[in-house]
Protein backbone atom coordinates (compact mmCIF):
# COMPACT_ATOMS: atom_id res chain seq x y z
CA MET A 1 -12.66 -16.24 -18.45
CA LYS A 2 -9.32 -17.21 -16.93
CA THR A 3 -9.12 -16.95 -13.15
CA ILE A 4 -6.23 -17.54 -10.77
CA ILE A 5 -7.21 -19.24 -7.51
CA LEU A 6 -4.95 -19.65 -4.48
CA ASN A 7 -6.30 -23.02 -3.32
CA LYS A 8 -4.03 -23.23 -0.28
CA PRO A 9 -0.64 -21.85 0.76
CA GLY A 10 1.82 -22.42 -2.06
CA GLU A 11 -0.73 -23.65 -4.62
CA PHE A 12 -2.05 -21.48 -7.45
CA GLU A 13 -4.47 -22.83 -10.05
CA VAL A 14 -5.28 -21.21 -13.38
CA SER A 15 -8.94 -22.03 -13.94
CA GLU A 16 -11.62 -21.31 -16.53
CA MET A 17 -14.69 -19.71 -14.97
CA GLU A 18 -17.86 -18.29 -16.46
CA ARG A 19 -17.65 -14.59 -17.31
CA PRO A 20 -20.01 -12.47 -15.15
CA GLN A 21 -23.43 -11.85 -16.64
CA GLU A 22 -23.81 -8.34 -18.04
CA THR A 23 -27.01 -7.76 -16.09
CA LEU A 24 -26.05 -5.19 -13.45
CA ASN A 25 -27.60 -4.19 -10.16
CA ALA A 26 -28.07 -0.53 -9.30
CA GLY A 27 -24.74 1.23 -8.82
CA GLU A 28 -22.66 -1.53 -10.40
CA ALA A 29 -20.06 -1.60 -13.16
CA LEU A 30 -18.57 -4.47 -15.12
CA VAL A 31 -14.82 -4.07 -15.58
CA LYS A 32 -12.05 -5.76 -17.52
CA VAL A 33 -8.75 -6.28 -15.71
CA HIS A 34 -5.56 -5.13 -17.45
CA ARG A 35 -2.98 -4.99 -14.63
CA ILE A 36 -2.61 -6.63 -11.20
CA GLY A 37 0.05 -5.51 -8.75
CA ILE A 38 1.45 -8.08 -6.34
CA CYS A 39 1.24 -6.90 -2.74
CA GLY A 40 2.86 -8.03 0.48
CA THR A 41 -0.57 -9.27 1.51
CA ASP A 42 -0.58 -11.59 -1.52
CA LEU A 43 2.88 -12.88 -0.60
CA HIS A 44 1.79 -13.50 3.00
CA ALA A 45 -1.34 -15.33 1.82
CA TYR A 46 0.81 -17.50 -0.46
CA THR A 47 3.08 -18.45 2.45
CA GLY A 48 0.16 -19.01 4.82
CA LYS A 49 1.08 -16.11 7.09
CA GLN A 50 -1.76 -13.68 6.40
CA PRO A 51 -4.02 -13.28 9.48
CA PHE A 52 -7.81 -13.56 9.12
CA PHE A 53 -7.39 -15.24 5.72
CA THR A 54 -9.32 -18.19 4.32
CA TYR A 55 -8.73 -20.48 1.32
CA PRO A 56 -9.45 -20.91 -1.52
CA ARG A 57 -9.23 -17.25 -2.51
CA ILE A 58 -8.92 -15.17 -5.67
CA LEU A 59 -6.25 -12.61 -4.77
CA GLY A 60 -5.68 -9.20 -6.36
CA HIS A 61 -6.49 -5.75 -5.03
CA GLU A 62 -3.93 -3.51 -6.79
CA LEU A 63 -5.72 -3.11 -10.08
CA GLY A 64 -5.80 -1.18 -13.33
CA VAL A 65 -9.14 -1.83 -15.01
CA GLU A 66 -11.33 -0.75 -17.94
CA VAL A 67 -15.05 -0.05 -17.57
CA ILE A 68 -17.02 -2.34 -19.91
CA LYS A 69 -20.60 -1.65 -18.81
CA ILE A 70 -22.39 0.47 -16.19
CA ALA A 71 -25.82 0.39 -14.57
CA ASP A 72 -28.26 3.09 -15.64
CA ASP A 73 -27.84 5.05 -12.38
CA VAL A 74 -24.02 5.20 -12.44
CA THR A 75 -22.66 8.69 -13.10
CA ASN A 76 -19.06 8.71 -11.80
CA VAL A 77 -17.63 6.53 -14.62
CA GLU A 78 -18.31 5.91 -18.29
CA VAL A 79 -17.78 2.92 -20.56
CA GLY A 80 -14.17 2.92 -21.72
CA ASP A 81 -12.79 4.72 -18.67
CA LYS A 82 -9.48 3.56 -17.23
CA CYS A 83 -9.69 3.25 -13.45
CA SER A 84 -7.91 2.36 -10.26
CA VAL A 85 -9.89 0.25 -7.79
CA GLU A 86 -10.41 1.24 -4.17
CA PRO A 87 -10.67 -2.23 -2.57
CA TYR A 88 -12.12 -1.36 0.84
CA PHE A 89 -15.76 -2.37 0.79
CA ASN A 90 -17.96 -1.64 3.79
CA LYS A 91 -20.84 -4.03 4.33
CA THR A 92 -22.63 -1.79 6.83
CA GLN A 93 -22.98 1.95 7.38
CA ASP A 94 -21.54 1.72 10.91
CA HIS A 95 -20.41 4.65 13.02
CA ALA A 96 -16.91 4.82 11.49
CA VAL A 97 -18.28 4.79 7.94
CA GLU A 98 -20.87 7.42 8.77
CA ARG A 99 -18.03 9.64 10.02
CA GLY A 100 -16.10 9.16 6.78
CA PHE A 101 -13.61 6.55 7.98
CA THR A 102 -14.30 4.05 5.22
CA ASN A 103 -10.79 2.64 5.63
CA CYS A 104 -11.56 1.06 9.01
CA GLY A 105 -15.26 0.31 9.19
CA GLU A 106 -16.38 -2.32 11.68
CA ASN A 107 -17.52 -4.62 8.86
CA ILE A 108 -14.94 -3.80 6.21
CA SER A 109 -14.21 -6.39 3.54
CA VAL A 110 -11.03 -5.93 1.52
CA PHE A 111 -11.36 -7.04 -2.09
CA GLY A 112 -8.84 -9.82 -2.78
CA VAL A 113 -8.27 -10.46 0.93
CA HIS A 114 -11.53 -11.03 2.78
CA GLU A 115 -13.45 -11.74 -0.43
CA ASP A 116 -12.48 -12.82 -3.95
CA GLY A 117 -10.53 -10.16 -5.79
CA GLY A 118 -9.21 -9.20 -9.19
CA MET A 119 -7.02 -12.05 -10.41
CA ARG A 120 -9.55 -12.75 -13.17
CA GLU A 121 -10.35 -11.21 -16.51
CA TYR A 122 -13.66 -9.57 -15.54
CA PHE A 123 -15.63 -8.78 -12.40
CA LYS A 124 -18.52 -6.63 -11.20
CA ILE A 125 -17.98 -3.90 -8.63
CA PRO A 126 -19.95 -1.04 -7.08
CA ALA A 127 -18.91 1.88 -9.28
CA GLN A 128 -18.32 4.10 -6.24
CA TYR A 129 -15.01 2.25 -5.73
CA LEU A 130 -13.66 3.16 -9.18
CA HIS A 131 -11.31 6.15 -9.59
CA VAL A 132 -10.93 7.45 -13.13
CA SER A 133 -7.93 8.94 -14.87
CA LYS A 134 -7.90 10.22 -18.44
CA LYS A 135 -4.09 10.33 -18.45
CA LEU A 136 -2.60 7.43 -16.50
CA SER A 137 -1.62 4.04 -17.89
CA TYR A 138 -2.95 0.78 -16.50
CA ASP A 139 0.45 0.21 -14.87
CA GLN A 140 0.17 3.52 -13.04
CA LEU A 141 -3.45 2.91 -12.05
CA ALA A 142 -2.50 -0.45 -10.53
CA LEU A 143 0.12 1.33 -8.41
CA VAL A 144 -2.34 3.80 -6.89
CA GLU A 145 -3.56 1.45 -4.15
CA THR A 146 0.02 0.65 -3.11
CA LEU A 147 0.88 4.33 -3.00
CA SER A 148 -2.31 5.12 -1.09
CA ILE A 149 -1.11 3.25 2.02
CA GLY A 150 1.96 5.48 2.41
CA CYS A 151 -0.02 8.54 1.37
CA HIS A 152 -2.61 7.89 4.07
CA ALA A 153 0.10 7.47 6.70
CA VAL A 154 1.65 10.82 5.75
CA ASN A 155 -1.77 12.46 5.78
CA ARG A 156 -2.49 10.93 9.19
CA ALA A 157 0.67 12.54 10.55
CA ARG A 158 -0.21 15.88 8.91
CA VAL A 159 3.32 16.17 7.56
CA ASN A 160 4.28 19.64 6.36
CA ALA A 161 7.34 21.59 5.28
CA ASP A 162 8.31 22.34 8.89
CA ASP A 163 8.67 18.64 9.69
CA THR A 164 11.59 16.27 9.48
CA VAL A 165 10.67 12.65 8.76
CA VAL A 166 12.21 9.21 9.13
CA VAL A 167 10.48 6.32 7.38
CA ILE A 168 11.50 2.88 8.64
CA GLY A 169 11.20 -0.01 6.18
CA ALA A 170 12.33 0.38 2.57
CA GLY A 171 9.59 -1.72 1.01
CA PRO A 172 6.87 -0.41 -1.29
CA ILE A 173 4.83 1.08 1.57
CA GLY A 174 7.82 2.86 3.06
CA MET A 175 8.95 4.12 -0.33
CA GLY A 176 5.49 5.51 -0.98
CA ALA A 177 5.47 7.23 2.41
CA CYS A 178 8.83 8.82 1.57
CA GLN A 179 7.52 10.17 -1.73
CA PHE A 180 4.51 11.83 -0.13
CA ALA A 181 6.46 13.21 2.82
CA MET A 182 8.92 14.79 0.40
CA ALA A 183 6.06 16.11 -1.70
CA ALA A 184 4.72 17.79 1.45
CA GLY A 185 8.04 19.63 1.74
CA ALA A 186 9.56 17.72 4.65
CA LYS A 187 13.18 16.60 4.75
CA THR A 188 12.74 12.83 4.57
CA VAL A 189 15.18 10.03 5.41
CA MET A 190 14.72 6.31 4.77
CA MET A 191 15.95 3.76 7.32
CA ASP A 192 16.34 0.00 6.81
CA ILE A 193 18.60 -2.94 7.64
CA ASN A 194 19.20 -3.67 3.95
CA GLN A 195 21.81 -1.41 2.34
CA SER A 196 20.86 -2.44 -1.20
CA ARG A 197 17.29 -1.29 -0.56
CA LEU A 198 18.62 2.00 0.78
CA ASP A 199 20.79 2.38 -2.32
CA PHE A 200 17.67 1.87 -4.46
CA CYS A 201 15.82 4.57 -2.49
CA ASP A 202 18.75 6.93 -2.82
CA LYS A 203 19.04 6.44 -6.57
CA HIS A 204 15.42 6.05 -7.68
CA ILE A 205 13.19 7.55 -4.98
CA LYS A 206 15.76 10.32 -4.40
CA VAL A 207 15.25 10.47 -0.66
CA ASP A 208 17.03 13.22 1.26
CA GLY A 209 19.14 10.70 3.16
CA THR A 210 19.42 7.10 4.30
CA VAL A 211 20.25 5.36 7.58
CA GLU A 212 21.33 1.75 7.87
CA VAL A 213 20.04 0.26 11.11
CA HIS A 214 22.78 -0.75 13.54
CA GLN A 215 22.42 -3.62 15.99
CA GLU A 216 22.96 -1.11 18.81
CA VAL A 217 19.96 1.20 19.22
CA ALA A 218 22.14 4.03 20.52
CA GLU A 219 24.27 3.89 17.37
CA THR A 220 21.18 3.96 15.18
CA GLU A 221 19.95 7.03 17.04
CA LYS A 222 23.33 8.67 16.48
CA ARG A 223 23.08 8.00 12.75
CA ILE A 224 19.58 9.48 12.65
CA ARG A 225 20.71 12.63 14.47
CA ALA A 226 23.54 13.03 11.97
CA GLN A 227 20.91 13.43 9.23
CA PHE A 228 19.14 16.29 11.04
CA ASP A 229 21.92 18.52 12.43
CA GLY A 230 21.96 16.66 15.72
CA ASN A 231 18.18 16.62 16.19
CA LEU A 232 15.65 13.81 16.06
CA PRO A 233 12.85 13.82 13.46
CA THR A 234 9.45 15.27 14.29
CA VAL A 235 7.71 12.38 12.51
CA VAL A 236 8.62 8.69 12.40
CA ILE A 237 6.63 6.36 10.14
CA ASP A 238 7.26 2.66 10.78
CA ALA A 239 6.35 0.38 7.88
CA THR A 240 8.12 -2.73 9.13
CA GLY A 241 5.51 -4.55 11.19
CA ASN A 242 8.42 -5.59 13.43
CA LYS A 243 7.71 -5.22 17.15
CA HIS A 244 11.30 -4.30 18.04
CA SER A 245 11.46 -1.63 15.36
CA MET A 246 8.08 -0.27 16.46
CA ALA A 247 9.16 -0.10 20.10
CA ASN A 248 12.38 1.73 19.21
CA THR A 249 10.51 4.51 17.40
CA LEU A 250 9.91 6.23 20.76
CA GLN A 251 13.65 6.69 21.20
CA PHE A 252 14.07 7.91 17.62
CA THR A 253 11.36 10.60 17.70
CA ALA A 254 11.78 14.23 18.81
CA ALA A 255 9.87 15.62 21.78
CA ALA A 256 6.25 16.46 20.86
CA GLY A 257 6.71 14.31 17.75
CA ARG A 258 4.34 11.95 15.97
CA ILE A 259 4.73 8.24 15.36
CA VAL A 260 2.68 6.38 12.74
CA PHE A 261 2.54 2.59 12.67
CA VAL A 262 1.72 1.43 9.15
CA GLY A 263 3.14 -2.07 9.38
CA LEU A 264 1.03 -4.58 11.29
CA PHE A 265 2.57 -6.83 13.94
CA PRO A 266 0.20 -9.79 14.56
CA GLY A 267 0.51 -9.80 18.33
CA ASP A 268 1.37 -7.72 21.39
CA PHE A 269 4.33 -5.42 21.66
CA SER A 270 5.49 -3.11 24.42
CA PHE A 271 7.31 0.21 24.53
CA HIS A 272 9.27 2.20 27.09
CA ASP A 273 6.62 4.35 28.77
CA PRO A 274 9.02 7.03 30.12
CA TYR A 275 9.97 7.97 26.54
CA PHE A 276 6.28 8.26 25.68
CA HIS A 277 5.47 10.59 28.59
CA LYS A 278 8.73 12.49 28.80
CA LYS A 279 8.54 13.45 25.13
CA GLU A 280 4.74 13.90 25.04
CA LEU A 281 4.56 11.81 21.91
CA THR A 282 1.56 11.07 19.71
CA ILE A 283 1.25 7.48 18.51
CA MET A 284 -1.24 6.58 15.82
CA ALA A 285 -2.10 3.68 13.56
CA SER A 286 -2.65 3.96 9.82
CA ARG A 287 -4.88 1.42 8.09
CA ASN A 288 -5.69 1.21 4.39
CA SER A 289 -6.63 4.57 2.82
CA LEU A 290 -9.53 6.88 2.00
CA PRO A 291 -11.23 7.77 -1.30
CA SER A 292 -9.64 11.22 -1.05
CA ASP A 293 -6.20 9.58 -0.91
CA PHE A 294 -6.88 7.86 -4.24
CA ASP A 295 -7.99 11.12 -5.82
CA GLN A 296 -4.95 12.95 -4.43
CA ILE A 297 -2.52 10.34 -5.77
CA ILE A 298 -4.03 10.23 -9.25
CA GLU A 299 -3.85 14.01 -9.48
CA MET A 300 -0.24 14.07 -8.23
CA ILE A 301 0.89 11.42 -10.73
CA GLU A 302 -0.90 13.22 -13.55
CA ASN A 303 0.91 16.45 -12.55
CA ASN A 304 4.30 14.68 -12.36
CA GLN A 305 4.58 15.30 -8.60
CA ILE A 306 4.98 11.56 -8.00
CA ASP A 307 7.29 9.50 -10.21
CA THR A 308 6.06 5.94 -10.73
CA ASN A 309 8.85 4.92 -13.11
CA PRO A 310 11.08 3.20 -10.51
CA TRP A 311 8.37 1.06 -9.03
CA ILE A 312 7.70 -1.84 -11.41
CA THR A 313 10.78 -4.07 -11.37
CA HIS A 314 9.18 -7.33 -12.56
CA LYS A 315 6.38 -7.92 -15.06
CA VAL A 316 4.92 -11.27 -16.18
CA LEU A 317 1.87 -12.59 -17.98
CA PHE A 318 -1.18 -13.22 -15.81
CA THR A 319 -1.21 -16.97 -16.46
CA GLU A 320 2.48 -17.40 -15.60
CA ILE A 321 2.13 -16.37 -11.96
CA ALA A 322 2.79 -19.84 -10.51
CA GLY A 323 6.22 -19.97 -12.13
CA HIS A 324 7.41 -16.73 -10.54
CA PHE A 325 5.81 -16.33 -7.12
CA ASP A 326 8.40 -18.35 -5.18
CA SER A 327 11.25 -16.29 -6.60
CA TRP A 328 9.52 -13.03 -5.62
CA LEU A 329 9.74 -14.13 -1.98
CA LYS A 330 13.54 -14.10 -2.12
CA PRO A 331 15.27 -10.79 -1.26
CA GLU A 332 18.01 -11.44 -3.79
CA THR A 333 15.42 -11.27 -6.58
CA GLY A 334 15.25 -7.52 -5.95
CA VAL A 335 11.50 -7.20 -6.34
CA ILE A 336 10.06 -3.80 -5.53
CA LYS A 337 6.76 -4.26 -7.36
CA ALA A 338 5.79 -7.21 -9.53
CA MET A 339 2.99 -6.64 -12.02
CA LEU A 340 0.76 -9.16 -13.82
CA THR A 341 -0.40 -8.21 -17.31
CA LEU A 342 -3.58 -9.34 -19.06
CA SER A 343 -3.23 -7.21 -22.19
């Protein structure tokens, strides 16, 4: 079978590897890969900027797959099922996992990041990580993991129709967060430094408003207030991973509001403590997603509550990845979500 290996930063290799044996362990499934979404994590690994990453590595954790074979004890999927893959594998049943927090177990291993992933034609996987849909296409199933990050952030903040929300960072994670916040009934505004990204969100994601970040924080706050009748939002979700943006969220959030950090800054950052105490804010992190998030997203797409049509802006054949990856790193390329096809 053909396999794509990232040997080192900037170097992909298309290799022929032996297809997995069809002998399965208890609980396993053999799947065929049809779609692979390209994630920011993949881009960071390619540029050598992904923390806790080792090479060589088979990337790929945003997947639309077909079940080819199942072990005798597997009951949640059947041969022929189309599935999305939940890529957060826990190697131990530690305290977090026992409490249901499978997204942040002490010994979590993310498929395609900490261990070899789905940039290959076939692989074996514990069937518990497969989420079936009888209606969705492989393209849509490969988008579920991307959407799950924003969905989990919105669920963490317990967004409801009484809230007002600002999402900072108009990338795929931020766009997903906007969609789920709006689906929860909250007035939702996207904020970014890139006006073309904001225009995309306005046209395709149909956000309730947009704010272009100004170099002066006070002016940015003024622009935010203008979106909410002079008030600040009750929820701010930061998907930038930028320490300055993250620190400024305390100024941009209403009293008794909630802040969710989805983006990861690989280092220390500080914030203005008087804002934190004066406003009695809640600050929380959001990492990965839960099985229930996957099930929620699949159901919402099937019921036309979430529109996936705007997402895939670039699509190429699996084996042609090396010829396109560099261009996807350039903002002028306009990539929202690139998708590799195997069929």
